[in-house]
Every structure is written in structure tokens, then in C-alpha cells.
Amino acid sequence: MKVLEKKLHIPANLLPRKTIDNSLPDLSDHPVVRAKTERARKLLEENPIPEDLLRRK
């Protein structure tokens, strides 16, 4: 009789950080991500955030 190996589900917050980071694909080259990043950069150049909002109180 075969012994079935039961896989434990370990929540992501209990895994070592390195494991999580290595398993995530690098999406910075994804066309959608690149387009949104460029759009956000352009919008920020046109409408910079006021200095008083950037400073922590």
C-alpha cells in the first residue's frame, strides 16, 4: 500500500522572507507594469506633490 505524502499548507507570513521573494516573478519588465509606471511618473512630473504633504508630522 502506498503512503500518500500530505503537503502542509504554510501561510506566507510564516515562511522565511527569502523564500517568498525568490518565488515571486520579477514583474518590472511586464508591459502593463512598465506602462503604469511610466504613466505614474509622467503624472507626478506634471503635478508634483506639495512639500507639506510629503513631510511627516
PDB file of N, CA and C in Angstrom:
ATOM      1  N   MET A   1       0.840  -1.208   0.000  1.00  0.00           N
ATOM      2  CA  MET A   1       0.000   0.000   0.000  1.00  0.00           C
ATOM      3  C   MET A   1       0.874   1.257   0.000  1.00  0.00           C
ATOM      4  N   LYS A   2       0.529   2.189  -0.899  1.00  0.00           N
ATOM      5  CA  LYS A   2       1.305   3.431  -0.982  1.00  0.00           C
ATOM      6  C   LYS A   2       0.955   4.369   0.168  1.00  0.00           C
ATOM      7  N   VAL A   3       1.966   5.042   0.643  1.00  0.00           N
ATOM      8  CA  VAL A   3       1.727   6.064   1.665  1.00  0.00           C
ATOM      9  C   VAL A   3       1.674   7.408   0.951  1.00  0.00           C
ATOM     10  N   LEU A   4       0.531   8.077   1.048  1.00  0.00           N
ATOM     11  CA  LEU A   4       0.398   9.370   0.394  1.00  0.00           C
ATOM     12  C   LEU A   4       1.018  10.452   1.272  1.00  0.00           C
ATOM     13  N   GLU A   5       1.858  11.249   0.651  1.00  0.00           N
ATOM     14  CA  GLU A   5       2.505  12.325   1.389  1.00  0.00           C
ATOM     15  C   GLU A   5       1.564  13.516   1.431  1.00  0.00           C
ATOM     16  N   LYS A   6       1.235  13.955   2.647  1.00  0.00           N
ATOM     17  CA  LYS A   6       0.343  15.100   2.778  1.00  0.00           C
ATOM     18  C   LYS A   6       1.179  16.373   2.817  1.00  0.00           C
ATOM     19  N   LYS A   7       0.871  17.293   1.909  1.00  0.00           N
ATOM     20  CA  LYS A   7       1.598  18.562   1.894  1.00  0.00           C
ATOM     21  C   LYS A   7       0.944  19.516   2.880  1.00  0.00           C
ATOM     22  N   LEU A   8       1.786  20.109   3.706  1.00  0.00           N
ATOM     23  CA  LEU A   8       1.272  21.086   4.661  1.00  0.00           C
ATOM     24  C   LEU A   8       1.166  22.444   3.984  1.00  0.00           C
ATOM     25  N   HIS A   9       0.063  23.123   4.250  1.00  0.00           N
ATOM     26  CA  HIS A   9      -0.056  24.483   3.735  1.00  0.00           C
ATOM     27  C   HIS A   9       0.499  25.419   4.794  1.00  0.00           C
ATOM     28  N   ILE A  10       1.599  26.079   4.462  1.00  0.00           N
ATOM     29  CA  ILE A  10       2.202  27.023   5.394  1.00  0.00           C
ATOM     30  C   ILE A  10       1.842  28.430   4.938  1.00  0.00           C
ATOM     31  N   PRO A  11       1.209  29.200   5.819  1.00  0.00           N
ATOM     32  CA  PRO A  11       0.849  30.567   5.436  1.00  0.00           C
ATOM     33  C   PRO A  11       2.092  31.377   5.052  1.00  0.00           C
ATOM     34  N   ALA A  12       1.922  32.281   4.101  1.00  0.00           N
ATOM     35  CA  ALA A  12       3.052  33.049   3.569  1.00  0.00           C
ATOM     36  C   ALA A  12       3.775  33.846   4.651  1.00  0.00           C
ATOM     37  N   ASN A  13       3.015  34.328   5.657  1.00  0.00           N
ATOM     38  CA  ASN A  13       3.669  35.150   6.686  1.00  0.00           C
ATOM     39  C   ASN A  13       4.557  34.323   7.614  1.00  0.00           C
ATOM     40  N   LEU A  14       4.453  32.995   7.576  1.00  0.00           N
ATOM     41  CA  LEU A  14       5.306  32.157   8.415  1.00  0.00           C
ATOM     42  C   LEU A  14       6.533  31.645   7.671  1.00  0.00           C
ATOM     43  N   LEU A  15       6.525  31.814   6.337  1.00  0.00           N
ATOM     44  CA  LEU A  15       7.676  31.378   5.547  1.00  0.00           C
ATOM     45  C   LEU A  15       8.802  32.388   5.687  1.00  0.00           C
ATOM     46  N   PRO A  16      10.035  31.922   5.554  1.00  0.00           N
ATOM     47  CA  PRO A  16      11.137  32.881   5.571  1.00  0.00           C
ATOM     48  C   PRO A  16      10.990  33.854   4.401  1.00  0.00           C
ATOM     49  N   ARG A  17      11.298  35.102   4.635  1.00  0.00           N
ATOM     50  CA  ARG A  17      11.120  36.153   3.622  1.00  0.00           C
ATOM     51  C   ARG A  17      11.828  35.798   2.311  1.00  0.00           C
ATOM     52  N   LYS A  18      13.027  35.222   2.412  1.00  0.00           N
ATOM     53  CA  LYS A  18      13.812  34.896   1.222  1.00  0.00           C
ATOM     54  C   LYS A  18      13.048  33.946   0.292  1.00  0.00           C
ATOM     55  N   THR A  19      12.372  32.980   0.873  1.00  0.00           N
ATOM     56  CA  THR A  19      11.607  32.008   0.096  1.00  0.00           C
ATOM     57  C   THR A  19      10.515  32.713  -0.711  1.00  0.00           C
ATOM     58  N   ILE A  20       9.815  33.645  -0.060  1.00  0.00           N
ATOM     59  CA  ILE A  20       8.731  34.346  -0.728  1.00  0.00           C
ATOM     60  C   ILE A  20       9.291  35.179  -1.878  1.00  0.00           C
ATOM     61  N   ASP A  21      10.350  35.963  -1.600  1.00  0.00           N
ATOM     62  CA  ASP A  21      10.914  36.837  -2.623  1.00  0.00           C
ATOM     63  C   ASP A  21      11.425  36.046  -3.819  1.00  0.00           C
ATOM     64  N   ASN A  22      12.038  34.885  -3.575  1.00  0.00           N
ATOM     65  CA  ASN A  22      12.576  34.101  -4.677  1.00  0.00           C
ATOM     66  C   ASN A  22      11.473  33.479  -5.527  1.00  0.00           C
ATOM     67  N   SER A  23      10.318  33.225  -4.920  1.00  0.00           N
ATOM     68  CA  SER A  23       9.268  32.552  -5.674  1.00  0.00           C
ATOM     69  C   SER A  23       8.430  33.537  -6.496  1.00  0.00           C
ATOM     70  N   LEU A  24       8.522  34.829  -6.173  1.00  0.00           N
ATOM     71  CA  LEU A  24       7.746  35.812  -6.922  1.00  0.00           C
ATOM     72  C   LEU A  24       8.465  36.188  -8.210  1.00  0.00           C
ATOM     73  N   PRO A  25       7.753  36.195  -9.330  1.00  0.00           N
ATOM     74  CA  PRO A  25       8.395  36.593 -10.580  1.00  0.00           C
ATOM     75  C   PRO A  25       8.696  38.101 -10.568  1.00  0.00           C
ATOM     76  N   ASP A  26       9.739  38.495 -11.248  1.00  0.00           N
ATOM     77  CA  ASP A  26      10.068  39.917 -11.341  1.00  0.00           C
ATOM     78  C   ASP A  26       9.173  40.525 -12.418  1.00  0.00           C
ATOM     79  N   LEU A  27       8.256  41.384 -11.982  1.00  0.00           N
ATOM     80  CA  LEU A  27       7.272  41.924 -12.926  1.00  0.00           C
ATOM     81  C   LEU A  27       7.669  43.290 -13.480  1.00  0.00           C
ATOM     82  N   SER A  28       8.855  43.790 -13.121  1.00  0.00           N
ATOM     83  CA  SER A  28       9.220  45.140 -13.552  1.00  0.00           C
ATOM     84  C   SER A  28       9.346  45.244 -15.068  1.00  0.00           C
ATOM     85  N   ASP A  29       9.569  44.107 -15.758  1.00  0.00           N
ATOM     86  CA  ASP A  29       9.673  44.142 -17.214  1.00  0.00           C
ATOM     87  C   ASP A  29       8.342  43.872 -17.910  1.00  0.00           C
ATOM     88  N   HIS A  30       7.304  43.598 -17.125  1.00  0.00           N
ATOM     89  CA  HIS A  30       5.994  43.309 -17.712  1.00  0.00           C
ATOM     90  C   HIS A  30       5.450  44.570 -18.388  1.00  0.00           C
ATOM     91  N   PRO A  31       4.939  44.448 -19.624  1.00  0.00           N
ATOM     92  CA  PRO A  31       4.484  45.648 -20.356  1.00  0.00           C
ATOM     93  C   PRO A  31       3.438  46.473 -19.613  1.00  0.00           C
ATOM     94  N   VAL A  32       2.503  45.817 -18.945  1.00  0.00           N
ATOM     95  CA  VAL A  32       1.455  46.550 -18.220  1.00  0.00           C
ATOM     96  C   VAL A  32       2.065  47.315 -17.047  1.00  0.00           C
ATOM     97  N   VAL A  33       2.968  46.650 -16.318  1.00  0.00           N
ATOM     98  CA  VAL A  33       3.618  47.301 -15.179  1.00  0.00           C
ATOM     99  C   VAL A  33       4.453  48.482 -15.655  1.00  0.00           C
ATOM    100  N   ARG A  34       5.182  48.281 -16.752  1.00  0.00           N
ATOM    101  CA  ARG A  34       6.024  49.353 -17.284  1.00  0.00           C
ATOM    102  C   ARG A  34       5.165  50.539 -17.704  1.00  0.00           C
ATOM    103  N   ALA A  35       4.028  50.264 -18.370  1.00  0.00           N
ATOM    104  CA  ALA A  35       3.144  51.334 -18.838  1.00  0.00           C
ATOM    105  C   ALA A  35       2.579  52.124 -17.659  1.00  0.00           C
ATOM    106  N   LYS A  36       2.154  51.405 -16.613  1.00  0.00           N
ATOM    107  CA  LYS A  36       1.591  52.092 -15.449  1.00  0.00           C
ATOM    108  C   LYS A  36       2.648  52.910 -14.721  1.00  0.00           C
ATOM    109  N   THR A  37       3.866  52.375 -14.653  1.00  0.00           N
ATOM    110  CA  THR A  37       4.961  53.095 -14.003  1.00  0.00           C
ATOM    111  C   THR A  37       5.275  54.381 -14.761  1.00  0.00           C
ATOM    112  N   GLU A  38       5.342  54.268 -16.093  1.00  0.00           N
ATOM    113  CA  GLU A  38       5.622  55.452 -16.917  1.00  0.00           C
ATOM    114  C   GLU A  38       4.517  56.491 -16.762  1.00  0.00           C
ATOM    115  N   ARG A  39       3.278  56.022 -16.734  1.00  0.00           N
ATOM    116  CA  ARG A  39       2.147  56.945 -16.608  1.00  0.00           C
ATOM    117  C   ARG A  39       2.185  57.660 -15.258  1.00  0.00           C
ATOM    118  N   ALA A  40       2.485  56.887 -14.193  1.00  0.00           N
ATOM    119  CA  ALA A  40       2.561  57.474 -12.854  1.00  0.00           C
ATOM    120  C   ALA A  40       3.693  58.501 -12.791  1.00  0.00           C
ATOM    121  N   ARG A  41       4.838  58.167 -13.407  1.00  0.00           N
ATOM    122  CA  ARG A  41       5.983  59.086 -13.410  1.00  0.00           C
ATOM    123  C   ARG A  41       5.626  60.386 -14.131  1.00  0.00           C
ATOM    124  N   LYS A  42       4.921  60.248 -15.267  1.00  0.00           N
ATOM    125  CA  LYS A  42       4.536  61.421 -16.058  1.00  0.00           C
ATOM    126  C   LYS A  42       3.553  62.300 -15.277  1.00  0.00           C
ATOM    127  N   LEU A  43       2.570  61.655 -14.630  1.00  0.00           N
ATOM    128  CA  LEU A  43       1.589  62.405 -13.846  1.00  0.00           C
ATOM    129  C   LEU A  43       2.255  63.145 -12.686  1.00  0.00           C
ATOM    130  N   LEU A  44       3.249  62.491 -12.057  1.00  0.00           N
ATOM    131  CA  LEU A  44       3.961  63.133 -10.948  1.00  0.00           C
ATOM    132  C   LEU A  44       4.774  64.330 -11.431  1.00  0.00           C
ATOM    133  N   GLU A  45       5.351  64.230 -12.637  1.00  0.00           N
ATOM    134  CA  GLU A  45       6.111  65.360 -13.173  1.00  0.00           C
ATOM    135  C   GLU A  45       5.183  66.541 -13.452  1.00  0.00           C
ATOM    136  N   GLU A  46       3.988  66.245 -13.958  1.00  0.00           N
ATOM    137  CA  GLU A  46       3.034  67.310 -14.269  1.00  0.00           C
ATOM    138  C   GLU A  46       2.424  67.915 -13.012  1.00  0.00           C
ATOM    139  N   ASN A  47       2.152  67.079 -12.016  1.00  0.00           N
ATOM    140  CA  ASN A  47       1.522  67.541 -10.765  1.00  0.00           C
ATOM    141  C   ASN A  47       2.332  67.060  -9.569  1.00  0.00           C
ATOM    142  N   PRO A  48       3.433  67.756  -9.243  1.00  0.00           N
ATOM    143  CA  PRO A  48       4.237  67.301  -8.105  1.00  0.00           C
ATOM    144  C   PRO A  48       3.455  67.402  -6.790  1.00  0.00           C
ATOM    145  N   ILE A  49       3.776  66.512  -5.870  1.00  0.00           N
ATOM    146  CA  ILE A  49       3.122  66.510  -4.559  1.00  0.00           C
ATOM    147  C   ILE A  49       3.654  67.693  -3.751  1.00  0.00           C
ATOM    148  N   PRO A  50       2.761  68.506  -3.173  1.00  0.00           N
ATOM    149  CA  PRO A  50       3.212  69.659  -2.378  1.00  0.00           C
ATOM    150  C   PRO A  50       4.134  69.212  -1.233  1.00  0.00           C
ATOM    151  N   GLU A  51       5.122  70.054  -0.958  1.00  0.00           N
ATOM    152  CA  GLU A  51       6.149  69.734   0.047  1.00  0.00           C
ATOM    153  C   GLU A  51       5.551  69.445   1.426  1.00  0.00           C
ATOM    154  N   ASP A  52       4.514  70.193   1.797  1.00  0.00           N
ATOM    155  CA  ASP A  52       3.942  69.992   3.143  1.00  0.00           C
ATOM    156  C   ASP A  52       3.240  68.637   3.271  1.00  0.00           C
ATOM    157  N   LEU A  53       2.803  68.071   2.155  1.00  0.00           N
ATOM    158  CA  LEU A  53       2.192  66.741   2.227  1.00  0.00           C
ATOM    159  C   LEU A  53       3.248  65.646   2.323  1.00  0.00           C
ATOM    160  N   LEU A  54       4.435  65.925   1.790  1.00  0.00           N
ATOM    161  CA  LEU A  54       5.494  64.925   1.821  1.00  0.00           C
ATOM    162  C   LEU A  54       6.136  64.822   3.201  1.00  0.00           C
ATOM    163  N   ARG A  55       6.130  65.934   3.935  1.00  0.00           N
ATOM    164  CA  ARG A  55       6.764  65.946   5.250  1.00  0.00           C
ATOM    165  C   ARG A  55       5.894  65.241   6.276  1.00  0.00           C
ATOM    166  N   ARG A  56       6.506  64.427   7.106  1.00  0.00           N
ATOM    167  CA  ARG A  56       5.754  63.756   8.174  1.00  0.00           C
ATOM    168  C   ARG A  56       5.508  64.718   9.319  1.00  0.00           C
ATOM    169  N   LYS A  57       4.352  64.553   9.933  1.00  0.00           N
ATOM    170  CA  LYS A  57       4.029  65.465  11.042  1.00  0.00           C
ATOM    171  C   LYS A  57       4.307  64.809  12.362  1.00  0.00           C
TER     172      LYS A  57
END
